[in-house]
């Protein structure tokens, strides 16, 4: 860093403004030709039209016109082009320095009968279709603070409702993804009891789910359909009775020491800005490396937001097969956006661009930093159960609620969410911590942010120091400390299964 800018690699032909700069401000060996907003890029040498813009030592776009040294480099003069990589596989494998078993960290978690470990202990009301959403919400609303106070070991009763489940094909990608999500939430280690509520005539039949995944009904797993019960009112009354019977059983659960290896963390970002790839994302990546060394798991997602950085991940793939699975996902997304008359560069959003991000390539290079440096051990479908431990990838859209829904369905019992513009979302049943990329936003939204990673720039703190702070907070939150989003009651409306395919 200099007084005015930060350079990320010696080969870069742009630097990032640390603060708003006036015309004529000194930037390395040049002076700015115009005013430069904070977080935006400045050319440090002339870039001829059609030549690449280099940041992170990687291509983030191409000069749409001749760019002079000292010029503002952003959407007005940068052109996006699709990626064309000659992929390498398993060429950048860095061995994990595993922590000896006797020195491993622990947290206070809920050990389930099947061996899985939860960080929360809640009751979930799941809907098979949008038509049963009102019933589910009214059942959950019946359990307010006064009644739940009698069950101090229960974290709450939450309705997980969605806008699909019918008007869709009874097989194929969309149907399979929804079933994986429902199964994932029904079997999630943070959930002690489940009530599934359907209408009865929908495409997404509850009985099909139970049969497909071998789920048996019992005291802590109940299901019913509005049509069979004979109406909405009776369904709500019966649902309340069923949940009320689960509460004293769920309350018997107690936290006990569990190894950090039982943590599976969703690595997520939203409302990104120019600082995301400089502060919060690499700090979270370091925390992910610490967790992997403990035997735990970090799950990166948002496939459109690794576009342009996927070649860095294929080099970290444990083998060729794993790397090729990631490339196939990229190719699927290129086809998916093309047939829907879109572009991979539709992302970044207007807010991202206002924060200084110009192309999806630039955004992706910063976003991929959340995955740290350890080998890529597996690549998974949306909502598919995570089997390998270590750093893995799950396919999902870049839309945060849909992406996190898939990560939780895959088994994530914690969410680490970096944000530059400011996000206030929560993701029940898994607690979410918010990591601010810049100190200015952290101070403005201090009631929502858990960690100020902006101190890497504002105070000169190291990525390793902030990464350790994030890791330690994850252990505390896993043990029951409430994150700021939890304290404000967020998380009831962010359950958004990815809808793939036609609505009919």
Protein backbone atom coordinates (compact mmCIF):
# COMPACT_ATOMS: atom_id res chain seq x y z
CA UNK A 1 0.00 0.00 0.00
CA UNK A 2 0.96 3.59 -0.64
CA UNK A 3 -0.72 6.67 0.78
CA UNK A 4 -3.34 6.72 -1.97
CA UNK A 5 -3.53 3.23 -3.45
CA UNK A 6 -2.99 -0.49 -3.01
CA UNK A 7 -1.24 -2.69 -5.59
CA UNK A 8 -2.01 -6.42 -5.46
CA UNK A 9 0.75 -7.74 -7.73
CA UNK A 10 3.80 -6.27 -9.42
CA UNK A 11 2.48 -7.38 -12.82
CA UNK A 12 -0.83 -5.49 -12.46
CA UNK A 13 -1.43 -2.48 -14.70
CA UNK A 14 -4.05 -1.02 -12.33
CA UNK A 15 -4.09 -0.10 -8.65
CA UNK A 16 -7.03 0.50 -6.30
CA UNK A 17 -7.76 3.86 -4.68
CA UNK A 18 -7.71 3.70 -0.88
CA UNK A 19 -9.80 6.86 -0.69
CA UNK A 20 -11.52 9.26 -3.07
CA UNK A 21 -8.82 11.00 -5.09
CA UNK A 22 -8.95 14.43 -6.68
CA UNK A 23 -7.73 15.10 -10.21
CA UNK A 24 -3.94 15.32 -10.21
CA UNK A 25 -3.43 13.08 -7.17
CA UNK A 26 -0.11 11.25 -7.16
CA UNK A 27 -0.43 7.53 -7.86
CA UNK A 28 2.90 5.71 -8.01
CA UNK A 29 4.70 7.39 -10.96
CA UNK A 30 1.61 9.00 -12.53
CA UNK A 31 -1.11 11.49 -11.62
CA UNK A 32 -4.84 10.91 -11.85
CA UNK A 33 -6.51 12.43 -14.92
CA UNK A 34 -9.96 12.67 -13.27
CA UNK A 35 -11.54 12.26 -9.84
CA UNK A 36 -11.35 8.61 -8.72
CA UNK A 37 -13.99 7.18 -6.35
CA UNK A 38 -12.77 5.17 -3.37
CA UNK A 39 -12.25 1.51 -4.25
CA UNK A 40 -12.02 2.17 -7.98
CA UNK A 41 -9.11 1.35 -10.29
CA UNK A 42 -6.48 3.62 -11.84
CA UNK A 43 -4.25 2.74 -14.81
CA UNK A 44 -0.58 2.94 -13.84
CA UNK A 45 0.56 2.81 -17.46
CA UNK A 46 -1.02 3.25 -20.87
CA UNK A 47 -3.18 0.31 -21.94
CA UNK A 48 -3.82 0.12 -25.72
CA UNK A 49 -7.32 -0.69 -26.95
CA UNK A 50 -8.02 -4.43 -26.83
CA UNK A 51 -5.21 -5.17 -24.39
CA UNK A 52 -5.89 -6.95 -21.08
CA UNK A 53 -6.55 -5.22 -17.77
CA UNK A 54 -4.48 -7.03 -15.13
CA UNK A 55 -5.35 -7.24 -11.42
CA UNK A 56 -4.43 -10.04 -8.99
CA UNK A 57 -1.90 -10.95 -11.74
CA UNK A 58 -4.94 -12.16 -13.73
CA UNK A 59 -7.02 -10.79 -16.62
CA UNK A 60 -10.16 -9.01 -15.39
CA UNK A 61 -11.19 -7.51 -18.75
CA UNK A 62 -9.92 -5.74 -21.85
CA UNK A 63 -9.50 -2.08 -22.73
CA UNK A 64 -12.57 -1.05 -24.72
CA UNK A 65 -10.61 2.00 -25.86
CA UNK A 66 -7.10 3.31 -25.41
CA UNK A 67 -6.61 4.02 -21.68
CA UNK A 68 -4.06 6.61 -20.60
CA UNK A 69 -1.86 6.28 -17.54
CA UNK A 70 -3.68 7.88 -14.60
CA UNK A 71 -7.15 7.27 -16.08
CA UNK A 72 -10.12 5.88 -14.18
CA UNK A 73 -10.56 2.23 -15.21
CA UNK A 74 -14.14 1.00 -14.91
CA UNK A 75 -17.25 0.07 -16.87
CA UNK A 76 -16.90 3.03 -19.26
CA UNK A 77 -13.67 1.73 -20.79
CA UNK A 78 -13.44 -1.97 -19.88
CA UNK A 79 -14.78 -4.75 -22.09
CA UNK A 80 -15.79 -8.23 -20.88
CA UNK A 81 -14.81 -11.36 -22.79
CA UNK A 82 -15.62 -14.96 -21.89
CA UNK A 83 -12.91 -17.11 -20.37
CA UNK A 84 -10.81 -19.40 -22.58
CA UNK A 85 -8.47 -21.35 -20.32
CA UNK A 86 -6.26 -24.31 -21.03
CA UNK A 87 -7.09 -25.93 -17.71
CA UNK A 88 -4.47 -27.57 -15.54
CA UNK A 89 -5.44 -30.16 -12.97
CA UNK A 90 -3.80 -30.98 -9.63
CA UNK A 91 -0.73 -28.85 -10.38
CA UNK A 92 -0.96 -26.58 -7.32
CA UNK A 93 -1.48 -29.00 -4.44
CA UNK A 94 -0.26 -27.59 -1.15
CA UNK A 95 -0.14 -30.21 1.62
CA UNK A 96 -2.29 -29.49 4.66
CA UNK A 97 -0.31 -29.21 7.87
CA UNK A 98 -2.80 -31.23 9.92
CA UNK A 99 -3.00 -30.40 13.63
CA UNK A 100 -2.20 -33.45 15.81
CA UNK A 101 -5.32 -34.96 17.38
CA UNK A 102 -4.22 -34.12 20.92
CA UNK A 103 -3.88 -30.42 20.03
CA UNK A 104 -7.10 -29.99 18.06
CA UNK A 105 -9.67 -27.37 18.97
CA UNK A 106 -13.18 -28.14 20.15
CA UNK A 107 -16.54 -26.46 20.52
CA UNK A 108 -19.72 -27.18 22.48
CA UNK A 109 -22.12 -28.86 20.05
CA UNK A 110 -25.13 -31.16 19.94
CA UNK A 111 -24.10 -34.74 19.19
CA UNK A 112 -26.96 -36.53 17.39
CA UNK A 113 -27.68 -40.25 17.64
CA UNK A 114 -26.26 -40.86 14.14
CA UNK A 115 -22.96 -39.18 15.09
CA UNK A 116 -23.49 -35.87 13.30
CA UNK A 117 -23.00 -32.66 15.27
CA UNK A 118 -25.21 -29.59 15.34
CA UNK A 119 -24.42 -26.04 16.37
CA UNK A 120 -28.09 -25.25 17.06
CA UNK A 121 -31.10 -27.25 18.31
CA UNK A 122 -34.31 -26.25 16.57
CA UNK A 123 -37.57 -27.61 15.19
CA UNK A 124 -38.24 -27.18 11.48
CA UNK A 125 -41.58 -27.00 9.70
CA UNK A 126 -40.96 -27.84 6.06
CA UNK A 127 -43.39 -27.34 3.19
CA UNK A 128 -43.58 -29.51 0.10
CA UNK A 129 -45.32 -26.79 -1.92
CA UNK A 130 -46.18 -23.09 -1.84
CA UNK A 131 -49.83 -24.02 -1.18
CA UNK A 132 -48.97 -25.15 2.37
CA UNK A 133 -46.84 -22.09 3.23
CA UNK A 134 -49.57 -20.28 5.19
CA UNK A 135 -50.27 -23.36 7.33
CA UNK A 136 -46.57 -23.76 8.12
CA UNK A 137 -46.10 -20.09 9.04
CA UNK A 138 -49.17 -20.08 11.31
CA UNK A 139 -47.98 -23.22 13.10
CA UNK A 140 -44.58 -21.62 13.73
CA UNK A 141 -46.15 -18.33 14.84
CA UNK A 142 -47.99 -20.20 17.61
CA UNK A 143 -44.70 -20.64 19.46
CA UNK A 144 -43.69 -17.29 20.87
CA UNK A 145 -41.02 -16.38 23.43
CA UNK A 146 -43.24 -17.14 26.44
CA UNK A 147 -43.91 -20.77 25.49
CA UNK A 148 -40.35 -21.40 24.26
CA UNK A 149 -38.95 -20.01 27.52
CA UNK A 150 -39.97 -23.31 29.11
CA UNK A 151 -37.55 -25.09 26.75
CA UNK A 152 -34.18 -23.32 27.17
CA UNK A 153 -32.29 -25.87 25.07
CA UNK A 154 -34.49 -25.32 22.00
CA UNK A 155 -33.38 -22.50 19.71
CA UNK A 156 -36.76 -21.98 18.08
CA UNK A 157 -39.49 -23.25 15.78
CA UNK A 158 -39.00 -22.11 12.18
CA UNK A 159 -41.17 -22.48 9.08
CA UNK A 160 -39.17 -23.06 5.89
CA UNK A 161 -41.52 -22.13 3.06
CA UNK A 162 -40.88 -21.63 -0.64
CA UNK A 163 -42.61 -20.68 -3.88
CA UNK A 164 -42.41 -23.93 -5.82
CA UNK A 165 -43.22 -27.65 -5.45
CA UNK A 166 -45.85 -27.76 -8.20
CA UNK A 167 -46.15 -26.49 -11.76
CA UNK A 168 -42.88 -28.27 -12.39
CA UNK A 169 -41.67 -31.51 -13.94
CA UNK A 170 -41.91 -34.60 -11.74
CA UNK A 171 -38.32 -35.50 -12.56
CA UNK A 172 -35.19 -33.82 -13.87
CA UNK A 173 -32.78 -31.24 -12.47
CA UNK A 174 -35.32 -28.94 -10.83
CA UNK A 175 -37.28 -31.68 -9.08
CA UNK A 176 -34.13 -33.46 -7.92
CA UNK A 177 -32.64 -30.23 -6.53
CA UNK A 178 -35.80 -29.45 -4.52
CA UNK A 179 -35.90 -32.98 -3.10
CA UNK A 180 -32.24 -32.74 -2.06
CA UNK A 181 -32.94 -29.45 -0.29
CA UNK A 182 -35.95 -30.84 1.58
CA UNK A 183 -34.03 -33.97 2.56
CA UNK A 184 -31.01 -31.90 3.60
CA UNK A 185 -33.05 -29.68 5.91
CA UNK A 186 -35.05 -32.61 7.27
CA UNK A 187 -31.86 -34.47 8.22
CA UNK A 188 -29.78 -31.43 9.19
CA UNK A 189 -27.77 -31.80 12.42
CA UNK A 190 -29.03 -28.40 13.64
CA UNK A 191 -32.61 -29.71 13.52
CA UNK A 192 -33.97 -31.84 16.38
CA UNK A 193 -37.51 -32.30 15.09
CA UNK A 194 -39.32 -31.98 11.76
CA UNK A 195 -42.92 -31.43 10.72
CA UNK A 196 -43.55 -31.63 6.98
CA UNK A 197 -46.72 -29.93 5.69
CA UNK A 198 -48.13 -30.44 2.19
CA UNK A 199 -51.35 -29.76 0.34
CA UNK A 200 -51.79 -33.26 -1.06
CA UNK A 201 -52.11 -32.96 -4.84
CA UNK A 202 -48.74 -31.29 -5.62
CA UNK A 203 -46.01 -32.65 -7.86
CA UNK A 204 -43.52 -32.71 -4.97
CA UNK A 205 -45.18 -35.45 -2.90
CA UNK A 206 -44.00 -35.86 0.69
CA UNK A 207 -44.35 -39.65 0.55
CA UNK A 208 -42.01 -39.78 -2.48
CA UNK A 209 -39.36 -37.92 -0.50
CA UNK A 210 -39.70 -40.21 2.50
CA UNK A 211 -39.45 -43.29 0.30
CA UNK A 212 -36.56 -42.00 -1.82
CA UNK A 213 -34.40 -41.12 1.19
CA UNK A 214 -35.50 -43.85 3.58
CA UNK A 215 -36.96 -41.43 6.13
CA UNK A 216 -39.23 -43.00 8.73
CA UNK A 217 -41.93 -41.14 10.63
CA UNK A 218 -41.70 -41.02 14.41
CA UNK A 219 -42.15 -38.73 17.41
CA UNK A 220 -39.59 -36.25 16.04
CA UNK A 221 -40.50 -36.60 12.36
CA UNK A 222 -44.12 -35.96 11.45
CA UNK A 223 -45.89 -35.27 8.13
CA UNK A 224 -49.39 -34.29 7.06
CA UNK A 225 -51.36 -32.92 4.09
CA UNK A 226 -54.03 -30.23 4.28
CA UNK A 227 -56.40 -32.20 2.04
CA UNK A 228 -56.14 -35.33 4.21
CA UNK A 229 -56.57 -33.46 7.48
CA UNK A 230 -59.66 -31.73 6.01
CA UNK A 231 -58.73 -28.07 5.80
CA UNK A 232 -56.40 -25.28 6.81
CA UNK A 233 -57.73 -24.61 10.31
CA UNK A 234 -57.55 -28.23 11.42
CA UNK A 235 -54.11 -28.60 9.83
CA UNK A 236 -52.81 -25.66 11.85
CA UNK A 237 -54.34 -26.97 15.07
CA UNK A 238 -52.96 -30.47 14.51
CA UNK A 239 -49.56 -29.07 13.52
CA UNK A 240 -49.34 -27.04 16.72
CA UNK A 241 -50.14 -30.15 18.74
CA UNK A 242 -47.45 -32.15 16.94
CA UNK A 243 -44.76 -29.50 17.49
CA UNK A 244 -45.82 -29.03 21.11
CA UNK A 245 -45.22 -32.74 21.67
CA UNK A 246 -41.72 -32.45 20.14
CA UNK A 247 -40.55 -29.56 22.34
CA UNK A 248 -39.90 -31.44 25.61
CA UNK A 249 -38.02 -34.17 23.71
CA UNK A 250 -35.89 -31.64 21.80
CA UNK A 251 -35.19 -29.83 25.08
CA UNK A 252 -33.44 -32.92 26.44
CA UNK A 253 -30.47 -32.28 24.12
CA UNK A 254 -27.35 -30.91 25.80
CA UNK A 255 -24.19 -29.38 24.40
CA UNK A 256 -21.00 -31.38 24.82
CA UNK A 257 -17.36 -30.96 23.71
CA UNK A 258 -16.99 -31.82 20.01
CA UNK A 259 -13.90 -31.56 17.80
CA UNK A 260 -13.66 -28.67 15.34
CA UNK A 261 -13.49 -31.31 12.61
CA UNK A 262 -17.29 -31.62 12.96
CA UNK A 263 -17.79 -28.09 11.60
CA UNK A 264 -18.87 -27.61 7.98
CA UNK A 265 -18.86 -23.93 7.06
CA UNK A 266 -20.64 -22.25 4.17
CA UNK A 267 -18.18 -19.77 2.61
CA UNK A 268 -20.40 -17.03 1.24
CA UNK A 269 -20.26 -13.41 0.07
CA UNK A 270 -22.87 -10.84 -0.90
CA UNK A 271 -22.93 -7.13 -1.63
CA UNK A 272 -19.26 -7.37 -2.61
CA UNK A 273 -17.04 -4.37 -3.26
CA UNK A 274 -13.47 -3.68 -4.33
CA UNK A 275 -12.21 -4.56 -0.83
CA UNK A 276 -13.80 -8.02 -0.76
CA UNK A 277 -10.87 -9.66 -2.55
CA UNK A 278 -8.32 -7.64 -0.57
CA UNK A 279 -9.53 -7.99 3.04
CA UNK A 280 -12.51 -10.14 4.08
CA UNK A 281 -12.33 -12.90 1.47
CA UNK A 282 -8.64 -13.76 1.90
CA UNK A 283 -9.07 -13.50 5.69
CA UNK A 284 -11.96 -15.95 5.53
CA UNK A 285 -9.80 -18.12 3.27
CA UNK A 286 -7.15 -18.20 5.99
CA UNK A 287 -9.82 -19.18 8.53
CA UNK A 288 -10.88 -21.95 6.14
CA UNK A 289 -7.28 -23.20 6.00
CA UNK A 290 -7.19 -23.26 9.82
CA UNK A 291 -10.40 -25.28 9.91
CA UNK A 292 -9.20 -27.74 7.26
CA UNK A 293 -6.02 -28.29 9.30
CA UNK A 294 -8.34 -29.29 12.16
CA UNK A 295 -10.09 -31.82 9.92
CA UNK A 296 -13.11 -29.61 9.25
CA UNK A 297 -14.80 -28.61 6.00
CA UNK A 298 -15.23 -25.35 4.09
CA UNK A 299 -17.82 -25.22 1.28
CA UNK A 300 -17.40 -22.65 -1.50
CA UNK A 301 -20.37 -22.11 -3.84
CA UNK A 302 -21.83 -19.54 -6.28
CA UNK A 303 -20.59 -21.02 -9.56
CA UNK A 304 -21.16 -17.84 -11.63
CA UNK A 305 -18.97 -16.01 -9.10
CA UNK A 306 -15.91 -18.18 -9.67
CA UNK A 307 -16.19 -17.65 -13.45
CA UNK A 308 -12.79 -16.39 -14.54
CA UNK A 309 -11.12 -17.86 -11.46
CA UNK A 310 -12.06 -21.50 -11.94
CA UNK A 311 -8.66 -22.24 -13.52
CA UNK A 312 -7.05 -21.44 -10.17
CA UNK A 313 -9.33 -23.96 -8.46
CA UNK A 314 -8.76 -26.74 -11.03
CA UNK A 315 -5.04 -26.48 -10.28
CA UNK A 316 -5.92 -27.20 -6.65
CA UNK A 317 -8.17 -30.16 -7.48
CA UNK A 318 -7.00 -33.34 -5.78
CA UNK A 319 -7.16 -35.18 -9.12
CA UNK A 320 -8.14 -34.71 -12.75
CA UNK A 321 -11.67 -36.10 -12.25
CA UNK A 322 -12.45 -33.56 -9.54
CA UNK A 323 -11.12 -30.68 -11.64
CA UNK A 324 -13.08 -31.78 -14.68
CA UNK A 325 -16.31 -31.84 -12.64
CA UNK A 326 -15.74 -28.15 -11.89
CA UNK A 327 -15.11 -27.35 -15.57
CA UNK A 328 -18.36 -29.15 -16.49
CA UNK A 329 -20.23 -26.87 -14.10
CA UNK A 330 -18.74 -23.80 -15.76
CA UNK A 331 -19.75 -25.10 -19.19
CA UNK A 332 -23.30 -25.79 -17.92
CA UNK A 333 -23.58 -22.22 -16.66
CA UNK A 334 -22.29 -20.78 -19.94
CA UNK A 335 -24.98 -22.74 -21.78
CA UNK A 336 -27.64 -21.91 -19.16
CA UNK A 337 -27.09 -18.16 -19.44
CA UNK A 338 -26.83 -18.27 -23.25
CA UNK A 339 -30.13 -20.12 -23.75
CA UNK A 340 -31.82 -17.67 -21.40
CA UNK A 341 -30.36 -14.79 -23.44
CA UNK A 342 -28.14 -13.62 -20.61
CA UNK A 343 -24.41 -13.18 -20.05
CA UNK A 344 -22.05 -14.40 -17.38
CA UNK A 345 -21.16 -10.72 -16.99
CA UNK A 346 -24.74 -9.87 -15.89
CA UNK A 347 -23.10 -10.29 -12.49
CA UNK A 348 -21.65 -8.02 -10.93
CA UNK A 349 -24.74 -6.16 -9.75
CA UNK A 350 -25.18 -2.36 -9.81
CA UNK A 351 -24.18 -2.28 -6.13
CA UNK A 352 -21.02 -4.27 -6.87
CA UNK A 353 -20.11 -1.84 -9.65
CA UNK A 354 -20.74 1.15 -7.40
CA UNK A 355 -18.32 -0.49 -4.96
CA UNK A 356 -15.61 -0.61 -7.65
CA UNK A 357 -16.04 -4.04 -9.25
CA UNK A 358 -16.09 -3.82 -13.04
CA UNK A 359 -16.50 -7.35 -14.48
CA UNK A 360 -17.44 -10.80 -13.25
CA UNK A 361 -13.81 -11.80 -13.80
CA UNK A 362 -12.64 -9.25 -11.25
CA UNK A 363 -15.42 -10.20 -8.82
CA UNK A 364 -14.70 -13.91 -9.16
CA UNK A 365 -10.98 -13.58 -8.51
CA UNK A 366 -11.79 -11.88 -5.22
CA UNK A 367 -14.63 -14.26 -4.35
CA UNK A 368 -12.54 -17.41 -4.87
CA UNK A 369 -10.16 -16.21 -2.14
CA UNK A 370 -12.74 -17.38 0.43
CA UNK A 371 -11.62 -20.93 -0.34
CA UNK A 372 -8.13 -20.49 1.07
CA UNK A 373 -5.21 -22.47 -0.32
CA UNK A 374 -5.76 -26.16 0.50
CA UNK A 375 -6.56 -28.87 -2.09
CA UNK A 376 -10.03 -29.01 -3.64
CA UNK A 377 -11.31 -32.35 -2.34
CA UNK A 378 -14.72 -32.58 -4.01
CA UNK A 379 -17.27 -30.94 -6.32
CA UNK A 380 -20.97 -31.36 -5.52
CA UNK A 381 -24.40 -30.76 -6.99
CA UNK A 382 -26.69 -28.18 -5.41
CA UNK A 383 -27.82 -29.49 -2.01
CA UNK A 384 -25.92 -32.76 -2.40
CA UNK A 385 -24.63 -34.16 0.93
CA UNK A 386 -20.96 -33.34 1.49
CA UNK A 387 -18.94 -36.55 1.92
CA UNK A 388 -15.29 -35.44 1.80
CA UNK A 389 -13.73 -33.29 4.47
CA UNK A 390 -11.49 -30.37 3.65
CA UNK A 391 -12.14 -27.65 1.07
CA UNK A 392 -14.94 -28.50 -1.38
CA UNK A 393 -17.17 -26.77 -3.94
CA UNK A 394 -20.97 -26.91 -4.36
CA UNK A 395 -22.77 -25.75 -7.50
CA UNK A 396 -25.25 -22.91 -6.98
CA UNK A 397 -26.41 -19.56 -8.37
CA UNK A 398 -24.70 -16.39 -7.19
CA UNK A 399 -27.98 -15.25 -5.59
CA UNK A 400 -27.11 -15.43 -1.89
CA UNK A 401 -30.33 -16.89 -0.36
CA UNK A 402 -30.54 -19.63 -2.99
CA UNK A 403 -26.84 -20.41 -2.65
CA UNK A 404 -26.82 -20.62 1.15
CA UNK A 405 -30.01 -22.71 1.11
CA UNK A 406 -28.11 -25.28 -0.95
CA UNK A 407 -25.04 -25.13 1.30
CA UNK A 408 -27.14 -25.73 4.42
CA UNK A 409 -28.95 -28.60 2.68
CA UNK A 410 -25.50 -30.05 1.91
CA UNK A 411 -24.75 -30.09 5.63
CA UNK A 412 -23.22 -26.71 6.55
CA UNK A 413 -23.83 -26.07 10.26
CA UNK A 414 -22.30 -22.56 10.18
CA UNK A 415 -22.32 -19.70 7.64
CA UNK A 416 -19.47 -17.19 7.21
CA UNK A 417 -20.67 -14.31 5.05
CA UNK A 418 -18.42 -11.52 3.78
CA UNK A 419 -19.94 -8.25 2.59
CA UNK A 420 -18.72 -4.87 1.40
CA UNK A 421 -21.94 -3.00 0.68
CA UNK A 422 -23.63 -4.45 3.78
CA UNK A 423 -25.84 -7.53 4.20
CA UNK A 424 -28.30 -8.13 7.01
CA UNK A 425 -29.46 -11.64 6.12
CA UNK A 426 -29.62 -14.67 8.41
CA UNK A 427 -29.88 -18.32 7.45
CA UNK A 428 -31.69 -20.56 9.91
CA UNK A 429 -31.13 -23.23 11.07
CA UNK A 430 -27.40 -22.43 10.75
CA UNK A 431 -26.02 -19.33 12.49
CA UNK A 432 -24.36 -16.76 10.24
CA UNK A 433 -21.55 -14.35 11.04
CA UNK A 434 -21.06 -11.21 8.92
CA UNK A 435 -17.56 -10.10 7.98
CA UNK A 436 -17.24 -6.48 6.79
CA UNK A 437 -14.72 -5.80 4.03
CA UNK A 438 -14.22 -2.16 4.98
CA UNK A 439 -14.16 -0.27 8.28
CA UNK A 440 -16.41 2.53 7.03
CA UNK A 441 -19.33 0.16 6.42
CA UNK A 442 -18.60 -1.78 9.62
CA UNK A 443 -18.99 1.40 11.67
CA UNK A 444 -22.14 2.37 9.78
CA UNK A 445 -23.72 -1.08 10.27
CA UNK A 446 -22.14 -2.15 13.55
CA UNK A 447 -25.39 -3.76 14.75
CA UNK A 448 -25.22 -6.17 11.79
CA UNK A 449 -21.49 -6.85 11.36
CA UNK A 450 -19.58 -9.35 13.54
CA UNK A 451 -16.01 -8.80 12.28
CA UNK A 452 -14.29 -5.75 10.77
CA UNK A 453 -11.86 -7.21 8.22
CA UNK A 454 -11.42 -3.68 6.85
CA UNK A 455 -8.77 -3.21 9.54
CA UNK A 456 -6.37 -4.94 7.14
CA UNK A 457 -6.42 -1.64 5.23
CA UNK A 458 -7.49 0.90 7.86
CA UNK A 459 -5.12 -0.33 10.62
CA UNK A 460 -2.55 -2.40 8.75
CA UNK A 461 -3.61 -5.68 10.38
CA UNK A 462 -2.51 -8.88 8.66
CA UNK A 463 -4.75 -11.29 6.77
CA UNK A 464 -3.56 -14.04 9.12
CA UNK A 465 -4.52 -12.03 12.21
CA UNK A 466 -8.04 -11.35 10.94
CA UNK A 467 -8.36 -14.92 9.70
CA UNK A 468 -7.58 -16.22 13.18
CA UNK A 469 -10.15 -13.81 14.63
CA UNK A 470 -12.81 -15.13 12.23
CA UNK A 471 -11.90 -18.74 13.05
CA UNK A 472 -12.11 -18.11 16.81
CA UNK A 473 -15.50 -16.42 16.40
CA UNK A 474 -16.79 -19.39 14.40
CA UNK A 475 -15.89 -21.68 17.31
CA UNK A 476 -17.66 -19.39 19.78
CA UNK A 477 -20.80 -19.11 17.64
CA UNK A 478 -20.78 -22.88 17.08
CA UNK A 479 -20.77 -23.21 20.88
CA UNK A 480 -23.89 -21.08 21.27
CA UNK A 481 -22.79 -17.44 21.19
CA UNK A 482 -25.36 -15.54 19.15
CA UNK A 483 -24.19 -13.80 16.01
CA UNK A 484 -25.57 -10.32 15.37
CA UNK A 485 -27.97 -11.57 12.70
CA UNK A 486 -29.32 -14.15 15.15
CA UNK A 487 -29.71 -11.56 17.89
CA UNK A 488 -31.92 -9.53 15.55
CA UNK A 489 -34.08 -12.53 14.69
CA UNK A 490 -33.04 -12.86 11.05
CA UNK A 491 -33.29 -16.08 9.12
CA UNK A 492 -37.00 -16.86 8.70
CA UNK A 493 -37.31 -15.61 5.13
CA UNK A 494 -34.02 -16.58 3.47
CA UNK A 495 -34.96 -20.19 2.64
CA UNK A 496 -34.94 -20.03 -1.18
CA UNK A 497 -34.48 -23.34 -3.03
CA UNK A 498 -32.98 -22.84 -6.50
CA UNK A 499 -35.71 -23.23 -9.12
CA UNK A 500 -34.21 -24.91 -12.19
CA UNK A 501 -36.28 -25.48 -15.28
CA UNK A 502 -39.66 -24.38 -16.56
CA UNK A 503 -42.60 -23.34 -14.41
CA UNK A 504 -45.63 -24.92 -16.07
